[in-house]
Protein backbone atom coordinates (compact mmCIF):
# COMPACT_ATOMS: atom_id res chain seq x y z
CA MET A 1 0.00 0.00 0.00
CA ILE A 2 1.35 3.43 -0.97
CA ASN A 3 0.07 6.53 0.87
CA GLY A 4 -3.07 4.75 2.05
CA ALA A 5 -3.97 3.39 -1.40
CA PRO A 6 -5.18 -0.22 -1.48
CA ASN A 7 -3.11 -2.98 -3.05
CA ILE A 8 -4.57 -3.11 -6.59
CA MET A 9 -4.07 -6.38 -8.48
CA ASP A 10 -6.42 -6.32 -11.50
CA ILE A 11 -8.52 -3.55 -13.06
CA SER A 12 -11.25 -2.88 -15.59
CA VAL A 13 -12.25 0.59 -16.79
CA THR A 14 -15.89 1.60 -17.28
CA SER A 15 -17.06 3.80 -20.13
CA LYS A 16 -17.26 6.69 -17.61
CA GLY A 17 -13.60 6.20 -16.68
CA ASP A 18 -14.25 4.66 -13.27
CA LEU A 19 -11.92 1.81 -12.25
CA ILE A 20 -13.28 -1.48 -10.99
CA ALA A 21 -10.46 -3.33 -9.30
CA ALA A 22 -9.57 -6.41 -7.31
CA ALA A 23 -7.79 -5.10 -4.24
CA GLY A 24 -6.34 -6.36 -0.99
CA ALA A 25 -4.29 -9.45 -0.23
CA ALA A 26 -4.02 -12.06 -2.97
CA SER A 27 -5.53 -14.63 -0.59
CA GLY A 28 -8.64 -12.55 0.09
CA ALA A 29 -9.07 -9.93 -2.62
CA HIS A 30 -12.31 -7.97 -2.90
CA MET A 31 -13.79 -5.63 -5.52
CA ILE A 32 -13.63 -1.86 -5.25
CA ILE A 33 -14.62 1.02 -7.50
CA VAL A 34 -12.54 4.17 -7.89
CA ARG A 35 -14.69 7.06 -9.10
CA ARG A 36 -12.95 9.06 -11.82
CA SER A 37 -14.86 12.24 -11.02
CA THR A 38 -13.98 12.32 -7.31
CA GLY A 39 -11.17 9.82 -6.73
CA VAL A 40 -13.31 8.25 -3.99
CA ILE A 41 -12.70 4.54 -3.41
CA ASP A 42 -15.74 2.44 -2.44
CA PRO A 43 -16.19 -1.30 -1.99
CA LEU A 44 -18.48 -3.04 -4.48
CA ARG A 45 -20.88 -4.41 -1.90
CA GLY A 46 -22.50 -7.80 -2.20
CA ILE A 47 -19.65 -9.45 -4.08
CA ALA A 48 -18.35 -12.21 -1.83
CA GLY A 49 -14.64 -12.94 -2.10
CA PRO A 50 -11.98 -13.81 -2.67
CA VAL A 51 -12.45 -12.41 -6.18
CA ARG A 52 -10.12 -11.28 -8.97
CA TYR A 53 -9.91 -10.42 -12.67
CA PRO A 54 -12.80 -7.95 -13.15
CA ALA A 55 -14.04 -7.27 -16.70
CA ILE A 56 -16.88 -4.82 -17.32
CA SER A 57 -19.10 -5.64 -20.31
CA PRO A 58 -19.02 -3.29 -23.32
CA ASP A 59 -22.52 -2.00 -22.47
CA GLY A 60 -21.57 -1.51 -18.80
CA LYS A 61 -24.40 -3.73 -17.55
CA ARG A 62 -22.46 -6.79 -16.37
CA LEU A 63 -19.26 -7.52 -14.53
CA ALA A 64 -17.39 -10.76 -15.17
CA PHE A 65 -14.81 -11.92 -12.63
CA SER A 66 -13.30 -15.02 -11.05
CA ARG A 67 -14.18 -16.19 -7.54
CA ARG A 68 -12.06 -18.71 -5.63
CA HIS A 69 -14.06 -21.50 -4.08
CA TRP A 70 -12.71 -24.80 -2.77
CA GLY A 71 -9.28 -24.12 -4.25
CA SER A 72 -10.40 -23.31 -7.80
CA TRP A 73 -11.18 -20.05 -9.59
CA HIS A 74 -14.69 -20.04 -11.08
CA LEU A 75 -16.05 -17.64 -13.70
CA VAL A 76 -18.96 -15.47 -12.51
CA VAL A 77 -21.07 -12.80 -14.24
CA ARG A 78 -22.94 -10.25 -12.12
CA GLU A 79 -25.81 -8.11 -13.39
CA LEU A 80 -24.87 -4.71 -11.98
CA ALA A 81 -28.42 -3.31 -11.86
CA THR A 82 -29.86 -6.23 -9.86
CA GLY A 83 -26.86 -7.87 -8.19
CA VAL A 84 -27.89 -11.26 -9.61
CA GLU A 85 -24.88 -13.50 -10.18
CA HIS A 86 -24.44 -16.47 -12.49
CA GLN A 87 -21.56 -18.85 -11.87
CA LEU A 88 -20.52 -20.15 -15.29
CA THR A 89 -17.93 -22.78 -14.32
CA HIS A 90 -18.23 -25.45 -11.63
CA THR A 91 -15.46 -28.04 -12.06
CA ALA A 92 -12.25 -28.41 -10.06
CA CYS A 93 -10.20 -26.34 -12.49
CA ASN A 94 -9.43 -22.66 -12.92
CA ALA A 95 -11.30 -20.12 -15.08
CA THR A 96 -9.56 -16.74 -14.99
CA LEU A 97 -8.88 -13.55 -16.94
CA PRO A 98 -12.32 -12.99 -18.49
CA SER A 99 -12.51 -10.63 -21.45
CA TRP A 100 -15.65 -9.58 -23.32
CA GLU A 101 -15.64 -10.38 -27.04
CA ASP A 102 -19.01 -8.58 -27.31
CA THR A 103 -21.97 -7.99 -24.97
CA HIS A 104 -22.97 -11.67 -25.15
CA THR A 105 -19.67 -13.54 -25.35
CA LEU A 106 -16.88 -14.02 -22.81
CA LEU A 107 -13.40 -15.33 -23.47
CA TYR A 108 -11.40 -16.67 -20.54
CA ALA A 109 -8.34 -18.74 -19.64
CA THR A 110 -8.92 -22.26 -18.35
CA ASP A 111 -6.72 -25.15 -17.32
CA PHE A 112 -9.62 -27.66 -17.61
CA GLY A 113 -8.15 -31.03 -18.59
CA ARG A 114 -4.72 -29.47 -19.06
CA GLY A 115 -3.08 -29.10 -15.67
CA LEU A 116 -2.21 -26.10 -13.54
CA GLY A 117 -0.38 -23.44 -15.50
CA LEU A 118 -1.25 -24.93 -18.90
CA SER A 119 -4.16 -22.66 -19.70
CA ALA A 120 -6.02 -22.42 -23.00
CA LEU A 121 -8.62 -19.94 -24.18
CA ALA A 122 -12.29 -20.81 -23.94
CA ARG A 123 -15.46 -19.02 -24.99
CA VAL A 124 -18.90 -18.94 -23.41
CA ASP A 125 -22.02 -17.41 -24.92
CA LEU A 126 -24.35 -15.73 -22.44
CA GLN A 127 -28.13 -15.55 -22.60
CA ASP A 128 -29.94 -12.30 -21.77
């Protein structure tokens, strides 16, 4: 931490220039938002951790991220307006680094069937 700033690990930038970031210790990171207009840092409430790798959708309506549960990172998409979350992966493997291809398609890194550290890209299409 420098001058009271949180330990930022991963970020995504909204269309308004706000930063959504995974912050804190690597073992228990949580999501925060840094408001561009004021510089105020607020927690993103309701997102249980540890969480990392935020990715805001192109339309700004959804946030994709990875949540660690039982030793694996699982891909989650949260509807920002309602707080409803959808966990997209469930197996004992890692799904990290989500990136939006468009408003309905996520790309992410997975080590499913490959072994730790041998990630490949995967794609998932989302329903509205």
